[in-house]
Amino acid sequence: MKLIRIVDELVEALRPLRFRSPVTHVYNPLEYAREPYLRYLRRYAGRKREAVFLGMNPGPFGMAQTGVPFGEVGLVRDWMGISGLVSRPENEHPKRPVVGFDCRRSEVSGARLWGWARDQFGSPEAFFERFFILNYCPLVFMEESGRNRTPDKLAGKEREKLYEVCDRALRETIEYLKPERVIGVGQFAEKRAREALGDLGIPVGRILHPSPASPAANRDWAGAANRGLREQGIDV
């Protein structure tokens, strides 16, 4: 499967990268949660979908635990029917342990996004017949306190090298999947998609990120997402 080759090349390209303080710990779920992620690809990644939704990078209680983008444990396991072996990152932060599908914390962004997919489409098959969800960057960055640090907050040279690797993987993935359009989940993802895919002629749009840090998302994220998609010509 070509997508697995792209994943393996991405993992290899990311391994040599190093990140300075305040980053103290870096997790790559594509390594230690490879099994459920590959099950996600094999079961649900199809070509010529209506749209691919693109997130930023894993959350500590979502993809960091399950390997699936925005992968809130209950929805990945019980709605998508995906589980699998999740080991542990080599340098594990004591405040951010990886316990895989035993994680009892909810990833709010993932609960909102996948909960919307469940409520709007019913079955995962109905959702994935039209759409797919990826993350731009597979790495989780943490500071000494355990605080999450997003890729856009990395030091300049580190950020440039990371973007170069992730842009290439995104481009190869989209060239293979051939969606009608790419929808950034939030401003960062939209911007990176435009940078990486600019000459492919694929329309790039955006919906509101479901983060609990966003007051707008906390009011009615599902409604805002539906309105944003309809404005881009996607019937939901």
Protein backbone atom coordinates (compact mmCIF):
# COMPACT_ATOMS: atom_id res chain seq x y z
CA MET A 1 0.00 0.00 0.00
CA LYS A 2 1.55 3.27 -1.11
CA LEU A 3 0.26 5.17 1.92
CA ILE A 4 2.24 2.87 4.21
CA ARG A 5 5.40 3.56 2.23
CA ILE A 6 4.77 7.30 2.61
CA VAL A 7 4.31 6.82 6.37
CA ASP A 8 7.53 4.82 6.67
CA GLU A 9 9.49 7.44 4.72
CA LEU A 10 8.02 10.18 6.90
CA VAL A 11 9.05 8.37 10.08
CA GLU A 12 12.59 7.90 8.79
CA ALA A 13 12.86 11.56 7.74
CA LEU A 14 11.68 12.77 11.14
CA ARG A 15 14.06 10.66 13.24
CA PRO A 16 17.17 12.83 12.79
CA LEU A 17 15.37 16.07 13.69
CA ARG A 18 16.24 17.61 17.05
CA PHE A 19 14.36 20.29 19.00
CA ARG A 20 15.75 22.69 21.56
CA SER A 21 14.36 24.00 24.83
CA PRO A 22 11.61 24.64 25.78
CA VAL A 23 10.81 21.35 24.02
CA THR A 24 11.99 18.49 26.25
CA HIS A 25 9.99 15.51 24.94
CA VAL A 26 8.86 14.49 21.46
CA TYR A 27 6.47 11.61 20.74
CA ASN A 28 5.85 10.03 17.34
CA PRO A 29 2.68 7.88 17.44
CA LEU A 30 3.45 6.62 13.93
CA GLU A 31 6.19 4.59 15.61
CA TYR A 32 4.78 3.37 18.92
CA ALA A 33 1.10 3.28 17.81
CA ARG A 34 1.83 2.04 14.29
CA GLU A 35 -0.57 -0.91 14.47
CA PRO A 36 -3.82 1.03 15.00
CA TYR A 37 -2.73 3.75 12.59
CA LEU A 38 -2.12 1.24 9.80
CA ARG A 39 -5.50 -0.34 10.56
CA TYR A 40 -7.04 3.11 10.17
CA LEU A 41 -5.36 3.55 6.78
CA ARG A 42 -6.20 0.08 5.51
CA ARG A 43 -9.81 0.24 6.58
CA TYR A 44 -10.77 3.80 5.74
CA ALA A 45 -8.28 5.49 3.39
CA GLY A 46 -9.77 5.56 -0.09
CA ARG A 47 -9.00 7.46 -3.26
CA LYS A 48 -10.97 10.29 -4.87
CA ARG A 49 -12.88 11.28 -1.75
CA GLU A 50 -14.88 14.49 -1.67
CA ALA A 51 -12.47 16.04 0.83
CA VAL A 52 -9.56 15.31 3.12
CA PHE A 53 -9.68 17.09 6.47
CA LEU A 54 -6.22 18.11 7.71
CA GLY A 55 -5.37 18.66 11.36
CA MET A 56 -2.25 20.18 12.89
CA ASN A 57 -0.57 17.52 15.08
CA PRO A 58 -1.58 14.98 17.74
CA GLY A 59 -3.20 15.87 21.02
CA PRO A 60 -1.92 14.20 24.21
CA PHE A 61 -5.14 12.23 24.82
CA GLY A 62 -6.03 11.58 21.19
CA MET A 63 -3.59 10.48 18.50
CA ALA A 64 -0.81 10.33 21.10
CA GLN A 65 -2.74 7.44 22.69
CA THR A 66 -4.48 5.73 19.76
CA GLY A 67 -2.39 6.57 16.69
CA VAL A 68 -5.47 7.89 14.87
CA PRO A 69 -5.74 11.61 14.02
CA PHE A 70 -7.97 13.39 16.57
CA GLY A 71 -8.32 9.87 17.96
CA GLU A 72 -10.39 10.13 21.11
CA VAL A 73 -10.25 6.64 22.60
CA GLY A 74 -13.96 5.80 22.83
CA LEU A 75 -14.78 6.91 19.30
CA VAL A 76 -11.79 5.18 17.72
CA ARG A 77 -12.44 1.90 19.51
CA ASP A 78 -16.23 1.80 19.71
CA TRP A 79 -17.36 3.74 16.61
CA MET A 80 -14.55 3.10 14.12
CA GLY A 81 -13.84 -0.37 15.46
CA ILE A 82 -10.10 0.22 15.60
CA SER A 83 -7.76 -0.94 18.34
CA GLY A 84 -4.28 -2.44 18.44
CA LEU A 85 -0.97 -2.62 20.19
CA VAL A 86 0.32 0.71 21.51
CA SER A 87 3.77 0.64 23.08
CA ARG A 88 5.48 3.62 24.68
CA PRO A 89 7.72 6.40 23.37
CA GLU A 90 11.40 6.07 24.21
CA ASN A 91 11.58 9.30 26.21
CA GLU A 92 8.24 9.41 28.01
CA HIS A 93 7.20 12.51 29.94
CA PRO A 94 6.16 11.53 33.49
CA LYS A 95 3.16 13.86 33.26
CA ARG A 96 2.09 12.59 29.83
CA PRO A 97 2.21 8.80 29.98
CA VAL A 98 1.07 6.78 26.99
CA VAL A 99 -1.39 4.10 28.07
CA GLY A 100 -3.01 3.57 24.69
CA PHE A 101 -6.62 2.45 24.65
CA ASP A 102 -6.63 2.35 28.45
CA CYS A 103 -6.50 6.17 28.48
CA ARG A 104 -9.43 7.54 30.48
CA ARG A 105 -8.92 11.19 29.52
CA SER A 106 -11.04 12.57 26.71
CA GLU A 107 -9.46 14.49 23.84
CA VAL A 108 -11.99 17.31 23.49
CA SER A 109 -11.05 18.24 19.93
CA GLY A 110 -11.27 14.61 18.87
CA ALA A 111 -14.54 14.04 20.72
CA ARG A 112 -16.02 17.00 18.88
CA LEU A 113 -14.69 16.14 15.42
CA TRP A 114 -15.37 12.40 15.43
CA GLY A 115 -18.55 12.92 17.45
CA TRP A 116 -19.75 15.23 14.67
CA ALA A 117 -18.89 12.59 12.07
CA ARG A 118 -20.84 9.96 14.03
CA ASP A 119 -23.86 12.19 14.64
CA GLN A 120 -23.93 13.59 11.10
CA PHE A 121 -23.31 10.39 9.13
CA GLY A 122 -24.26 7.55 11.47
CA SER A 123 -21.76 4.89 10.44
CA PRO A 124 -18.03 5.29 9.88
CA GLU A 125 -18.51 3.75 6.43
CA ALA A 126 -20.90 6.55 5.44
CA PHE A 127 -18.44 9.21 6.62
CA PHE A 128 -15.34 7.67 5.05
CA GLU A 129 -17.11 7.07 1.75
CA ARG A 130 -16.91 10.83 1.29
CA PHE A 131 -14.10 12.02 3.56
CA PHE A 132 -10.83 11.16 5.26
CA ILE A 133 -8.87 12.79 8.11
CA LEU A 134 -5.10 13.26 8.35
CA ASN A 135 -2.71 15.23 10.52
CA TYR A 136 -0.11 17.48 8.94
CA CYS A 137 2.57 16.69 11.53
CA PRO A 138 2.61 13.39 13.46
CA LEU A 139 4.82 14.63 16.30
CA VAL A 140 3.75 15.68 19.79
CA PHE A 141 5.97 18.36 21.37
CA MET A 142 6.02 18.86 25.14
CA GLU A 143 7.75 21.24 27.48
CA GLU A 144 9.25 20.31 30.85
CA SER A 145 5.99 21.17 32.59
CA GLY A 146 4.09 18.76 30.34
CA ARG A 147 2.53 21.61 28.43
CA ASN A 148 1.85 20.96 24.75
CA ARG A 149 3.85 23.04 22.26
CA THR A 150 2.43 23.36 18.76
CA PRO A 151 4.66 23.13 15.64
CA ASP A 152 4.19 26.80 14.77
CA LYS A 153 5.83 27.75 18.09
CA LEU A 154 9.08 25.89 17.38
CA ALA A 155 12.36 27.75 16.77
CA GLY A 156 12.76 28.98 13.20
CA LYS A 157 15.31 26.53 11.78
CA GLU A 158 13.70 23.59 13.57
CA ARG A 159 10.31 24.60 12.23
CA GLU A 160 11.61 24.94 8.66
CA LYS A 161 13.16 21.46 8.67
CA LEU A 162 9.99 19.96 10.14
CA TYR A 163 7.78 21.70 7.58
CA GLU A 164 9.97 20.50 4.72
CA VAL A 165 9.50 16.87 5.78
CA CYS A 166 5.79 17.17 6.53
CA ASP A 167 5.06 19.15 3.36
CA ARG A 168 6.60 16.40 1.26
CA ALA A 169 4.61 13.65 2.99
CA LEU A 170 1.38 15.64 2.73
CA ARG A 171 1.91 16.31 -0.94
CA GLU A 172 2.62 12.66 -1.72
CA THR A 173 -0.42 11.58 0.29
CA ILE A 174 -2.77 13.99 -1.44
CA GLU A 175 -1.37 13.11 -4.86
CA TYR A 176 -2.20 9.49 -4.08
CA LEU A 177 -5.65 10.03 -2.51
CA LYS A 178 -6.74 12.56 -5.16
CA PRO A 179 -9.48 14.28 -3.12
CA GLU A 180 -11.62 16.97 -4.70
CA ARG A 181 -10.47 19.41 -2.01
CA VAL A 182 -8.53 19.71 1.25
CA ILE A 183 -10.12 21.27 4.33
CA GLY A 184 -7.82 22.59 7.02
CA VAL A 185 -9.14 22.03 10.53
CA GLY A 186 -8.05 25.43 11.75
CA GLN A 187 -5.91 28.20 10.30
CA PHE A 188 -2.53 26.49 10.71
CA ALA A 189 -3.54 23.40 8.73
CA GLU A 190 -5.13 25.50 6.00
CA LYS A 191 -1.93 27.54 5.64
CA ARG A 192 0.32 24.48 5.50
CA ALA A 193 -1.94 22.83 2.93
CA ARG A 194 -1.79 25.91 0.72
CA GLU A 195 2.00 25.98 1.00
CA ALA A 196 2.50 22.28 0.32
CA LEU A 197 -0.17 21.80 -2.35
CA GLY A 198 -0.25 25.20 -4.03
CA ASP A 199 0.63 24.05 -7.53
CA LEU A 200 -1.55 20.92 -7.59
CA GLY A 201 -4.73 22.81 -8.40
CA ILE A 202 -6.65 21.30 -5.47
CA PRO A 203 -8.96 23.77 -3.69
CA VAL A 204 -8.01 24.35 -0.05
CA GLY A 205 -10.48 25.60 2.52
CA ARG A 206 -10.93 25.70 6.28
CA ILE A 207 -13.31 24.97 9.11
CA LEU A 208 -13.11 26.13 12.70
CA HIS A 209 -10.77 24.09 14.89
CA PRO A 210 -12.71 22.21 17.61
CA SER A 211 -10.24 23.15 20.37
CA PRO A 212 -11.72 23.98 23.78
CA ALA A 213 -9.37 26.97 23.78
CA SER A 214 -11.61 28.55 21.12
CA PRO A 215 -14.67 30.40 22.47
CA ALA A 216 -16.39 30.00 19.10
CA ALA A 217 -15.81 26.24 19.13
CA ASN A 218 -17.21 26.02 22.65
CA ARG A 219 -20.50 27.63 21.59
CA ASP A 220 -21.54 25.27 18.79
CA TRP A 221 -18.63 23.73 16.97
CA ALA A 222 -20.71 21.21 14.98
CA GLY A 223 -23.01 23.94 13.72
CA ALA A 224 -20.06 26.14 12.76
CA ALA A 225 -18.42 23.22 10.95
CA ASN A 226 -21.57 22.48 8.97
CA ARG A 227 -21.95 26.12 7.97
CA GLY A 228 -18.30 26.34 6.96
CA LEU A 229 -18.56 23.23 4.80
CA ARG A 230 -21.74 24.39 3.09
CA GLU A 231 -20.10 27.71 2.28
CA GLN A 232 -17.43 25.70 0.44
CA GLY A 233 -19.99 23.73 -1.52
CA ILE A 234 -19.96 20.57 0.62
CA ASP A 235 -23.42 19.26 1.40
CA VAL A 236 -23.67 17.89 4.93
